[in-house]
């Protein structure tokens, strides 16, 4: 009955009124923030301000057209939207071009015609094989973004959208320095209110540029600090499903920024003190935490006579005492490590291992070096190299394989966006290493099983394998820095 009443209501309205109703609904319907997008268009939440409501677009709207043209444009608008909803992209394309060409600002408020145009050109891009035409479709996408920025005076927001698409969808068509600039244009202007969808890709680009020396330390630290503040602000002020998105971001961006602790002289005393001292105050009985904080504060060049290091020294002397090494290279290595001079410590330990004739001692110190590269210098590939050296010297020792498994399991944010396929498949090789550890050394069975149970739930699901045409049990090569062959498995 309700359906018949609705039909009667609409059937007695002129076409132009129907179009206005349709477009009005589009402009008023709130958009729900989805889980952090991966290679998809972000769905921005529009919160009109008084300035936006009074803004008069310099681009043509339906109201700027005469009666006949207005009806033609609005009809094309409604019809192309219907075709897109039905996934009839070819039918939608011509109608979209007509509607957009006549009134690029639609009713002066709605901007979905630009999102739709981007989707249509991405559709053409995906199905095209000619390189020149693909490039033209890419150019069309970014011309649409520029036009939207002009028509609706939202250059800052569009800079974020352009960077997002360039990073995930068109990375081979846009220079990385241009993408990075688009991200910074958005983040510099929005500060802690930056859009959620720029945070993870920008974090990855920032990490890569710092490590490659393509950005100054000052600029790198400024953005790293800002990213942390953006995430904290997002988590503190999110509502409903939006919080799920920020939790995904929390599992990725801060990890990328923490990896920068491995860059010599990047973070200062304030960073390490702010990060570690609250943890020490909460867990003063954890010698592992106290020792880590102690070395990190020295790494940040904190005052040895300052209050924080004085407190840590006091705790260490009372409850975390370790007998000093005998004089020599090993002691020099430990002394360097305690002062946060990790590379110097590695050099001393490696020299000590090389000079030792005892394979057991060699293996012990190679694994120690591996742990420094993992936990302190954040260089996973070099850490694996030394763990393998230790395993070669002591074949029936499970600990090197446990460490390699943890390296792999920690690589989700390095090899992907933190969630999804690229971040999930690292669990396969991680579990392989845990299984290897207990097979060569039964004393690690309980620990290995604990880690296997923890990460088995994060493996891809059967539908993920089906979607990619991969059968369970098939061989699969995990890319990124890992470059290991494994067996495809599902978590369900």
Protein backbone atom coordinates (compact mmCIF):
# COMPACT_ATOMS: atom_id res chain seq x y z
CA UNK A 1 0.00 0.00 0.00
CA UNK A 2 2.77 2.40 0.92
CA UNK A 3 4.44 1.57 -2.36
CA UNK A 4 1.26 2.49 -4.28
CA UNK A 5 0.92 5.75 -2.35
CA UNK A 6 4.52 6.66 -3.17
CA UNK A 7 3.94 5.85 -6.80
CA UNK A 8 0.83 8.07 -6.89
CA UNK A 9 2.72 10.92 -5.25
CA UNK A 10 5.56 10.86 -7.74
CA UNK A 11 3.43 10.21 -10.81
CA UNK A 12 1.66 13.53 -10.37
CA UNK A 13 4.79 15.69 -10.17
CA UNK A 14 6.53 17.46 -13.09
CA UNK A 15 9.87 15.95 -14.01
CA UNK A 16 11.90 18.91 -12.80
CA UNK A 17 10.31 18.67 -9.34
CA UNK A 18 11.15 14.98 -9.19
CA UNK A 19 14.75 15.80 -10.01
CA UNK A 20 14.92 18.43 -7.30
CA UNK A 21 13.53 15.96 -4.77
CA UNK A 22 16.01 13.30 -5.87
CA UNK A 23 18.99 15.63 -5.70
CA UNK A 24 17.83 17.11 -2.41
CA UNK A 25 17.76 13.67 -0.84
CA UNK A 26 21.27 13.03 -2.08
CA UNK A 27 22.52 16.22 -0.51
CA UNK A 28 20.86 15.61 2.86
CA UNK A 29 21.50 11.91 3.45
CA UNK A 30 24.35 11.47 5.95
CA UNK A 31 27.23 9.26 4.88
CA UNK A 32 28.48 6.60 7.27
CA UNK A 33 32.23 6.31 7.68
CA UNK A 34 33.36 2.92 6.43
CA UNK A 35 36.32 0.81 7.62
CA UNK A 36 39.63 2.25 6.53
CA UNK A 37 39.56 2.17 2.69
CA UNK A 38 42.07 0.12 0.74
CA UNK A 39 42.31 0.93 -2.97
CA UNK A 40 38.76 2.31 -2.84
CA UNK A 41 37.27 5.79 -2.78
CA UNK A 42 37.01 7.22 0.73
CA UNK A 43 33.50 8.17 1.77
CA UNK A 44 33.91 11.65 3.30
CA UNK A 45 31.48 12.87 5.91
CA UNK A 46 30.08 16.23 4.84
CA UNK A 47 29.40 18.67 7.66
CA UNK A 48 28.19 21.91 6.03
CA UNK A 49 29.17 25.14 7.73
CA UNK A 50 27.53 28.51 7.41
CA UNK A 51 30.27 29.51 4.98
CA UNK A 52 29.55 26.45 2.82
CA UNK A 53 25.82 27.16 2.86
CA UNK A 54 26.31 30.71 1.60
CA UNK A 55 29.05 29.82 -0.90
CA UNK A 56 28.07 30.54 -4.51
CA UNK A 57 29.82 28.24 -6.93
CA UNK A 58 31.51 29.93 -9.88
CA UNK A 59 30.49 26.90 -11.97
CA UNK A 60 27.16 26.45 -13.72
CA UNK A 61 24.30 24.98 -11.70
CA UNK A 62 20.86 23.75 -12.79
CA UNK A 63 19.42 27.14 -11.82
CA UNK A 64 21.77 28.85 -14.26
CA UNK A 65 20.24 26.98 -17.20
CA UNK A 66 17.10 27.90 -19.12
CA UNK A 67 13.99 25.77 -18.69
CA UNK A 68 14.60 23.22 -21.43
CA UNK A 69 18.32 22.82 -20.70
CA UNK A 70 17.63 22.59 -16.99
CA UNK A 71 15.21 19.71 -17.51
CA UNK A 72 17.64 17.98 -19.89
CA UNK A 73 20.55 18.26 -17.45
CA UNK A 74 18.53 17.16 -14.44
CA UNK A 75 17.01 14.25 -16.31
CA UNK A 76 20.48 13.12 -17.40
CA UNK A 77 21.62 13.43 -13.80
CA UNK A 78 18.86 11.22 -12.44
CA UNK A 79 19.21 8.64 -15.22
CA UNK A 80 22.99 8.29 -14.97
CA UNK A 81 22.69 7.79 -11.22
CA UNK A 82 20.12 5.05 -11.75
CA UNK A 83 22.39 3.34 -14.26
CA UNK A 84 25.35 3.48 -11.91
CA UNK A 85 23.30 1.97 -9.09
CA UNK A 86 22.43 -0.88 -11.44
CA UNK A 87 26.12 -1.17 -12.39
CA UNK A 88 25.38 -0.23 -16.00
CA UNK A 89 28.52 1.84 -16.30
CA UNK A 90 28.54 2.08 -20.10
CA UNK A 91 24.97 3.39 -20.12
CA UNK A 92 25.76 5.83 -17.33
CA UNK A 93 28.85 7.33 -18.96
CA UNK A 94 27.18 9.36 -21.72
CA UNK A 95 24.44 10.62 -19.43
CA UNK A 96 26.99 11.59 -16.78
CA UNK A 97 28.99 13.56 -19.37
CA UNK A 98 25.84 15.36 -20.44
CA UNK A 99 24.79 16.26 -16.90
CA UNK A 100 28.29 17.25 -15.82
CA UNK A 101 28.99 19.22 -18.99
CA UNK A 102 25.84 21.31 -18.65
CA UNK A 103 25.92 21.86 -14.86
CA UNK A 104 29.26 20.89 -13.27
CA UNK A 105 28.03 22.27 -9.92
CA UNK A 106 24.63 20.46 -10.13
CA UNK A 107 22.38 22.19 -7.59
CA UNK A 108 25.28 24.14 -6.06
CA UNK A 109 25.61 21.84 -3.06
CA UNK A 110 25.75 18.22 -4.18
CA UNK A 111 29.23 17.02 -5.22
CA UNK A 112 28.52 13.38 -5.93
CA UNK A 113 28.78 13.98 -9.68
CA UNK A 114 32.56 14.26 -9.17
CA UNK A 115 32.77 11.06 -7.14
CA UNK A 116 30.72 9.37 -9.85
CA UNK A 117 32.92 10.76 -12.60
CA UNK A 118 36.01 9.41 -10.85
CA UNK A 119 34.37 5.98 -10.56
CA UNK A 120 33.47 5.99 -14.24
CA UNK A 121 36.98 6.91 -15.35
CA UNK A 122 38.44 4.29 -13.02
CA UNK A 123 36.08 1.79 -14.66
CA UNK A 124 37.40 2.80 -18.10
CA UNK A 125 40.98 2.68 -16.80
CA UNK A 126 40.58 -0.83 -15.41
CA UNK A 127 39.17 -2.31 -18.60
CA UNK A 128 41.53 -0.50 -20.98
CA UNK A 129 44.72 -2.13 -22.29
CA UNK A 130 46.06 0.72 -24.42
CA UNK A 131 48.71 2.58 -22.40
CA UNK A 132 47.96 5.99 -23.93
CA UNK A 133 44.26 5.72 -23.22
CA UNK A 134 44.90 4.57 -19.65
CA UNK A 135 47.04 7.67 -19.14
CA UNK A 136 44.23 9.86 -20.50
CA UNK A 137 41.77 8.34 -18.04
CA UNK A 138 44.18 9.03 -15.19
CA UNK A 139 44.49 12.64 -16.35
CA UNK A 140 40.70 12.88 -16.49
CA UNK A 141 40.40 11.72 -12.86
CA UNK A 142 42.74 14.42 -11.62
CA UNK A 143 41.17 17.08 -13.84
CA UNK A 144 37.85 16.22 -12.20
CA UNK A 145 39.40 16.66 -8.77
CA UNK A 146 40.82 20.04 -9.77
CA UNK A 147 37.46 21.10 -11.18
CA UNK A 148 35.71 20.08 -7.97
CA UNK A 149 38.22 22.07 -5.92
CA UNK A 150 37.47 25.12 -8.08
CA UNK A 151 33.70 24.74 -8.20
CA UNK A 152 33.29 24.16 -4.47
CA UNK A 153 36.32 25.95 -3.03
CA UNK A 154 37.71 22.87 -1.27
CA UNK A 155 41.32 22.68 -2.41
CA UNK A 156 42.55 21.33 0.93
CA UNK A 157 40.12 18.42 1.04
CA UNK A 158 40.72 17.61 -2.62
CA UNK A 159 44.49 17.55 -2.07
CA UNK A 160 43.87 14.66 0.31
CA UNK A 161 41.63 12.84 -2.17
CA UNK A 162 44.15 13.27 -4.98
CA UNK A 163 46.97 11.97 -2.80
CA UNK A 164 44.88 8.99 -1.69
CA UNK A 165 43.98 7.96 -5.23
CA UNK A 166 47.48 8.54 -6.53
CA UNK A 167 48.98 6.45 -3.71
CA UNK A 168 46.61 3.49 -3.92
CA UNK A 169 45.22 3.53 -7.44
CA UNK A 170 47.66 5.29 -9.76
CA UNK A 171 51.11 5.03 -8.09
CA UNK A 172 52.93 4.46 -11.39
CA UNK A 173 51.39 7.54 -13.02
CA UNK A 174 52.13 10.21 -10.42
CA UNK A 175 55.59 11.03 -9.07
CA UNK A 176 55.95 10.18 -5.37
CA UNK A 177 57.14 13.71 -4.57
CA UNK A 178 53.90 15.10 -6.02
CA UNK A 179 51.82 12.64 -4.00
CA UNK A 180 53.71 13.56 -0.84
CA UNK A 181 53.14 17.26 -1.53
CA UNK A 182 49.41 16.70 -1.91
CA UNK A 183 49.34 14.91 1.44
CA UNK A 184 51.26 17.71 3.16
CA UNK A 185 49.00 20.37 1.64
CA UNK A 186 46.04 18.67 3.28
CA UNK A 187 47.72 17.90 6.62
CA UNK A 188 49.39 21.31 6.95
CA UNK A 189 46.01 23.01 6.53
CA UNK A 190 43.84 20.63 8.57
CA UNK A 191 46.27 19.77 11.38
CA UNK A 192 44.79 17.38 13.95
CA UNK A 193 41.48 17.56 12.05
CA UNK A 194 43.00 15.91 8.97
CA UNK A 195 40.77 13.44 7.12
CA UNK A 196 41.05 9.86 8.34
CA UNK A 197 41.80 8.42 4.90
CA UNK A 198 45.09 10.28 4.45
CA UNK A 199 46.75 9.09 7.68
CA UNK A 200 47.91 5.56 6.83
CA UNK A 201 49.26 6.22 3.32
CA UNK A 202 50.94 9.43 4.48
CA UNK A 203 52.54 7.55 7.41
CA UNK A 204 53.99 5.03 4.99
CA UNK A 205 55.33 7.74 2.66
CA UNK A 206 56.79 9.68 5.58
CA UNK A 207 58.59 6.60 6.90
CA UNK A 208 60.03 5.79 3.47
CA UNK A 209 61.22 9.35 2.88
CA UNK A 210 62.86 9.65 6.29
CA UNK A 211 64.70 6.33 5.87
CA UNK A 212 65.79 7.31 2.34
CA UNK A 213 67.03 10.72 3.54
CA UNK A 214 64.58 12.59 1.27
CA UNK A 215 63.25 14.78 4.06
CA UNK A 216 64.97 16.78 6.76
CA UNK A 217 64.98 15.51 10.32
CA UNK A 218 63.07 18.59 11.51
CA UNK A 219 60.31 18.13 8.97
CA UNK A 220 60.16 14.39 9.58
CA UNK A 221 59.83 14.80 13.35
CA UNK A 222 57.18 17.50 12.91
CA UNK A 223 55.00 15.27 10.77
CA UNK A 224 55.63 12.17 12.90
CA UNK A 225 54.50 14.11 15.98
CA UNK A 226 51.48 15.48 14.12
CA UNK A 227 50.43 12.02 12.96
CA UNK A 228 50.40 10.82 16.57
CA UNK A 229 48.28 13.82 17.57
CA UNK A 230 45.86 13.28 14.67
CA UNK A 231 45.30 9.66 15.68
CA UNK A 232 44.84 10.59 19.35
CA UNK A 233 42.33 13.29 18.37
CA UNK A 234 40.46 10.93 16.05
CA UNK A 235 40.12 8.28 18.74
CA UNK A 236 39.11 10.80 21.37
CA UNK A 237 36.37 12.45 19.30
CA UNK A 238 35.04 9.68 17.05
CA UNK A 239 31.48 8.41 17.28
CA UNK A 240 29.87 5.11 16.31
CA UNK A 241 31.30 3.19 13.37
CA UNK A 242 33.77 6.01 12.78
CA UNK A 243 35.69 4.73 15.81
CA UNK A 244 36.26 1.38 14.08
CA UNK A 245 38.09 3.25 11.34
CA UNK A 246 40.27 5.11 13.81
CA UNK A 247 41.12 1.85 15.59
CA UNK A 248 42.35 0.44 12.28
CA UNK A 249 44.47 3.55 11.81
CA UNK A 250 45.76 3.23 15.38
CA UNK A 251 47.07 -0.22 14.50
CA UNK A 252 49.10 1.10 11.57
CA UNK A 253 50.23 4.74 11.64
CA UNK A 254 51.75 4.75 15.17
CA UNK A 255 53.64 1.56 14.28
CA UNK A 256 55.18 3.29 11.27
CA UNK A 257 56.21 6.22 13.45
CA UNK A 258 57.68 3.87 16.07
CA UNK A 259 59.80 2.22 13.39
CA UNK A 260 61.54 5.57 12.99
CA UNK A 261 63.14 4.98 16.39
CA UNK A 262 65.61 2.88 14.40
CA UNK A 263 66.83 5.99 12.56
CA UNK A 264 69.88 7.44 14.27
CA UNK A 265 69.27 10.78 16.05
CA UNK A 266 65.70 11.09 14.75
CA UNK A 267 63.71 11.35 17.98
CA UNK A 268 64.91 13.45 20.91
CA UNK A 269 64.77 13.12 24.70
CA UNK A 270 61.24 14.53 24.96
CA UNK A 271 59.88 11.85 22.64
CA UNK A 272 61.43 8.92 24.51
CA UNK A 273 60.66 10.36 27.94
CA UNK A 274 57.03 11.04 26.99
CA UNK A 275 56.66 7.52 25.59
CA UNK A 276 58.46 5.36 28.14
CA UNK A 277 58.32 7.05 31.55
CA UNK A 278 54.52 6.73 31.95
CA UNK A 279 54.92 3.01 31.23
CA UNK A 280 57.71 2.69 33.78
CA UNK A 281 55.60 4.50 36.36
CA UNK A 282 52.78 2.05 35.65
CA UNK A 283 54.94 -1.09 35.59
CA UNK A 284 58.03 -0.35 37.71
CA UNK A 285 58.60 -4.07 38.39
CA UNK A 286 59.22 -4.88 34.72
CA UNK A 287 62.98 -5.01 34.32
CA UNK A 288 62.60 -5.48 30.59
CA UNK A 289 60.65 -2.23 30.32
CA UNK A 290 62.99 -0.39 32.69
CA UNK A 291 66.06 -1.48 30.72
CA UNK A 292 64.44 -0.52 27.41
CA UNK A 293 63.48 2.89 28.75
CA UNK A 294 66.98 3.39 30.10
CA UNK A 295 68.65 2.74 26.73
CA UNK A 296 66.04 4.77 24.82
CA UNK A 297 66.49 7.86 26.97
CA UNK A 298 70.21 7.70 26.41
CA UNK A 299 69.52 7.30 22.68
CA UNK A 300 67.47 10.50 22.83
CA UNK A 301 70.42 12.27 24.45
CA UNK A 302 68.62 12.86 27.76
CA UNK A 303 70.62 14.39 30.60
CA UNK A 304 72.26 11.52 32.56
CA UNK A 305 71.73 13.56 35.73
CA UNK A 306 68.11 14.39 34.91
CA UNK A 307 65.19 13.14 36.98
CA UNK A 308 64.06 10.45 34.53
CA UNK A 309 67.42 8.73 34.09
CA UNK A 310 68.12 9.08 37.80
CA UNK A 311 64.88 7.22 38.57
CA UNK A 312 65.66 4.50 36.03
CA UNK A 313 69.19 4.09 37.37
CA UNK A 314 67.81 3.70 40.88
CA UNK A 315 65.31 1.01 39.81
CA UNK A 316 67.98 -0.85 37.84
CA UNK A 317 70.41 -0.87 40.76
CA UNK A 318 67.80 -2.17 43.23
CA UNK A 319 65.86 -4.76 41.26
CA UNK A 320 67.33 -5.19 37.80
CA UNK A 321 70.98 -5.79 38.60
CA UNK A 322 72.97 -7.74 36.04
CA UNK A 323 76.52 -8.83 36.71
CA UNK A 324 78.87 -6.91 34.41
CA UNK A 325 80.63 -8.68 31.59
CA UNK A 326 84.33 -9.34 31.90
CA UNK A 327 86.45 -6.63 30.28
CA UNK A 328 86.67 -6.88 26.51
CA UNK A 329 84.60 -6.49 23.37
CA UNK A 330 81.44 -7.98 24.86
CA UNK A 331 81.47 -5.55 27.79
CA UNK A 332 82.15 -2.66 25.42
CA UNK A 333 79.14 -3.79 23.41
CA UNK A 334 76.89 -3.89 26.47
CA UNK A 335 78.11 -0.48 27.63
CA UNK A 336 77.38 1.00 24.20
CA UNK A 337 73.95 -0.63 24.16
CA UNK A 338 73.00 0.75 27.58
CA UNK A 339 73.86 4.23 26.33
CA UNK A 340 71.59 3.80 23.31
CA UNK A 341 74.49 3.53 20.86
CA UNK A 342 73.03 0.51 19.10
CA UNK A 343 75.17 0.46 15.97
CA UNK A 344 78.33 0.66 18.04
CA UNK A 345 77.02 -2.19 20.21
CA UNK A 346 76.40 -4.31 17.12
CA UNK A 347 79.94 -3.72 15.88
CA UNK A 348 81.44 -4.80 19.22
CA UNK A 349 79.24 -7.89 19.51
CA UNK A 350 79.94 -8.96 15.95
CA UNK A 351 83.68 -8.55 16.40
CA UNK A 352 83.47 -10.56 19.63
CA UNK A 353 81.52 -13.36 17.88
CA UNK A 354 83.94 -13.49 14.97
CA UNK A 355 86.94 -13.79 17.28
CA UNK A 356 85.38 -16.57 19.35
CA UNK A 357 86.14 -20.18 18.44
CA UNK A 358 83.10 -21.46 20.35
CA UNK A 359 80.10 -22.01 18.05
CA UNK A 360 77.69 -21.75 20.98
CA UNK A 361 79.03 -18.29 21.91
CA UNK A 362 78.98 -17.20 18.27
CA UNK A 363 75.34 -18.27 17.94
CA UNK A 364 74.40 -16.47 21.19
CA UNK A 365 75.89 -13.16 20.08
CA UNK A 366 74.57 -13.36 16.52
CA UNK A 367 71.09 -13.82 17.98
CA UNK A 368 71.72 -10.87 20.32
CA UNK A 369 72.61 -8.74 17.28
CA UNK A 370 69.46 -9.99 15.56
CA UNK A 371 67.38 -8.83 18.53
CA UNK A 372 68.98 -5.38 18.43
CA UNK A 373 68.17 -5.00 14.75
CA UNK A 374 64.61 -6.13 15.45
CA UNK A 375 63.72 -4.26 18.61
CA UNK A 376 66.03 -1.24 18.51
CA UNK A 377 67.22 -0.50 15.00
CA UNK A 378 63.96 -1.70 13.39
CA UNK A 379 65.72 -3.29 10.44
CA UNK A 380 63.87 -6.54 9.91
CA UNK A 381 65.79 -7.92 6.95
CA UNK A 382 69.16 -7.54 8.69
CA UNK A 383 67.68 -9.00 11.87
CA UNK A 384 66.66 -12.12 9.93
CA UNK A 385 70.14 -12.35 8.43
CA UNK A 386 71.75 -12.61 11.89
CA UNK A 387 69.06 -14.96 13.22
CA UNK A 388 69.82 -17.32 10.35
CA UNK A 389 73.54 -17.11 11.16
CA UNK A 390 72.74 -18.14 14.72
CA UNK A 391 70.55 -21.04 13.53
CA UNK A 392 73.28 -22.29 11.18
CA UNK A 393 75.76 -22.42 14.04
CA UNK A 394 73.33 -24.16 16.40
CA UNK A 395 70.89 -26.21 14.25
CA UNK A 396 68.78 -27.65 17.08
CA UNK A 397 68.02 -24.26 18.65
CA UNK A 398 64.44 -23.02 18.30
CA UNK A 399 64.92 -19.42 19.42
CA UNK A 400 66.28 -18.03 16.11
CA UNK A 401 63.23 -19.39 14.29
CA UNK A 402 60.91 -17.95 16.93
CA UNK A 403 62.50 -14.56 16.36
CA UNK A 404 62.13 -14.80 12.58
CA UNK A 405 58.49 -15.73 13.08
CA UNK A 406 57.98 -12.60 15.19
CA UNK A 407 59.71 -10.53 12.51
CA UNK A 408 57.25 -11.82 9.93
CA UNK A 409 54.25 -11.44 12.21
CA UNK A 410 55.25 -7.80 12.89
CA UNK A 411 55.44 -7.00 9.18
CA UNK A 412 51.74 -6.38 8.54
CA UNK A 413 52.17 -2.57 8.65
CA UNK A 414 55.41 -2.80 6.62
CA UNK A 415 54.01 -4.97 3.84
CA UNK A 416 50.46 -3.66 3.70
CA UNK A 417 48.05 -1.11 5.15
CA UNK A 418 47.86 -2.95 8.47
CA UNK A 419 44.68 -4.83 7.52
CA UNK A 420 43.56 -6.78 4.49
CA UNK A 421 45.31 -9.24 2.21
CA UNK A 422 48.85 -7.84 2.06
CA UNK A 423 49.01 -7.56 5.84
CA UNK A 424 47.34 -10.91 6.48
CA UNK A 425 49.51 -13.19 4.35
CA UNK A 426 52.56 -12.49 6.52
CA UNK A 427 50.90 -14.72 9.12
CA UNK A 428 51.50 -17.73 6.85
CA UNK A 429 55.28 -17.41 6.90
CA UNK A 430 55.26 -16.40 10.57
CA UNK A 431 53.42 -19.60 11.52
CA UNK A 432 55.82 -21.60 9.33
CA UNK A 433 58.71 -20.34 11.46
CA UNK A 434 56.95 -21.05 14.77
CA UNK A 435 56.28 -24.59 13.58
CA UNK A 436 59.89 -24.97 12.51
CA UNK A 437 61.07 -23.75 15.93
CA UNK A 438 59.21 -26.47 17.83
CA UNK A 439 60.13 -29.15 15.31
CA UNK A 440 63.88 -28.58 15.76
CA UNK A 441 63.64 -27.76 19.48
CA UNK A 442 60.75 -29.35 21.43
CA UNK A 443 61.50 -27.09 24.41
CA UNK A 444 59.83 -24.28 22.43
CA UNK A 445 56.62 -26.23 21.76
CA UNK A 446 54.46 -24.38 24.30
CA UNK A 447 55.67 -20.94 23.28
CA UNK A 448 55.41 -21.74 19.57
CA UNK A 449 51.85 -23.04 19.97
CA UNK A 450 50.89 -19.85 21.81
CA UNK A 451 52.11 -17.70 18.91
CA UNK A 452 50.56 -19.98 16.29
CA UNK A 453 47.20 -19.73 18.05
CA UNK A 454 47.53 -15.96 18.26
CA UNK A 455 48.21 -15.42 14.56
CA UNK A 456 46.15 -18.22 12.96
CA UNK A 457 43.02 -16.11 13.49
CA UNK A 458 44.49 -13.33 11.33
CA UNK A 459 45.09 -15.49 8.27
CA UNK A 460 42.95 -14.65 5.20
CA UNK A 461 39.46 -16.15 5.06
CA UNK A 462 38.29 -18.72 2.52
CA UNK A 463 36.39 -16.05 0.59
CA UNK A 464 39.59 -13.99 0.29
CA UNK A 465 41.37 -16.98 -1.25
CA UNK A 466 38.42 -17.70 -3.56
CA UNK A 467 38.25 -14.08 -4.70
CA UNK A 468 41.91 -14.24 -5.77
CA UNK A 469 41.64 -17.67 -7.33
CA UNK A 470 43.95 -19.28 -4.75
CA UNK A 471 43.26 -22.76 -3.43
CA UNK A 472 44.00 -23.80 0.13
CA UNK A 473 47.21 -25.77 0.18
CA UNK A 474 48.58 -24.07 -2.92
CA UNK A 475 52.09 -22.65 -2.95
CA UNK A 476 52.27 -18.90 -2.51
CA UNK A 477 55.22 -16.48 -2.50
CA UNK A 478 54.95 -13.72 0.09
CA UNK A 479 56.47 -10.50 -1.33
CA UNK A 480 57.71 -7.35 0.44
CA UNK A 481 61.04 -7.74 2.24
CA UNK A 482 60.11 -11.32 3.23
CA UNK A 483 60.33 -13.07 -0.18
CA UNK A 484 59.43 -16.51 1.21
CA UNK A 485 57.38 -19.32 -0.32
CA UNK A 486 54.63 -20.74 1.86
CA UNK A 487 51.32 -22.59 1.75
CA UNK A 488 47.99 -20.77 1.44
CA UNK A 489 45.69 -21.35 4.41
CA UNK A 490 42.41 -19.92 5.66
CA UNK A 491 41.44 -18.85 9.16
CA UNK A 492 37.92 -20.29 8.86
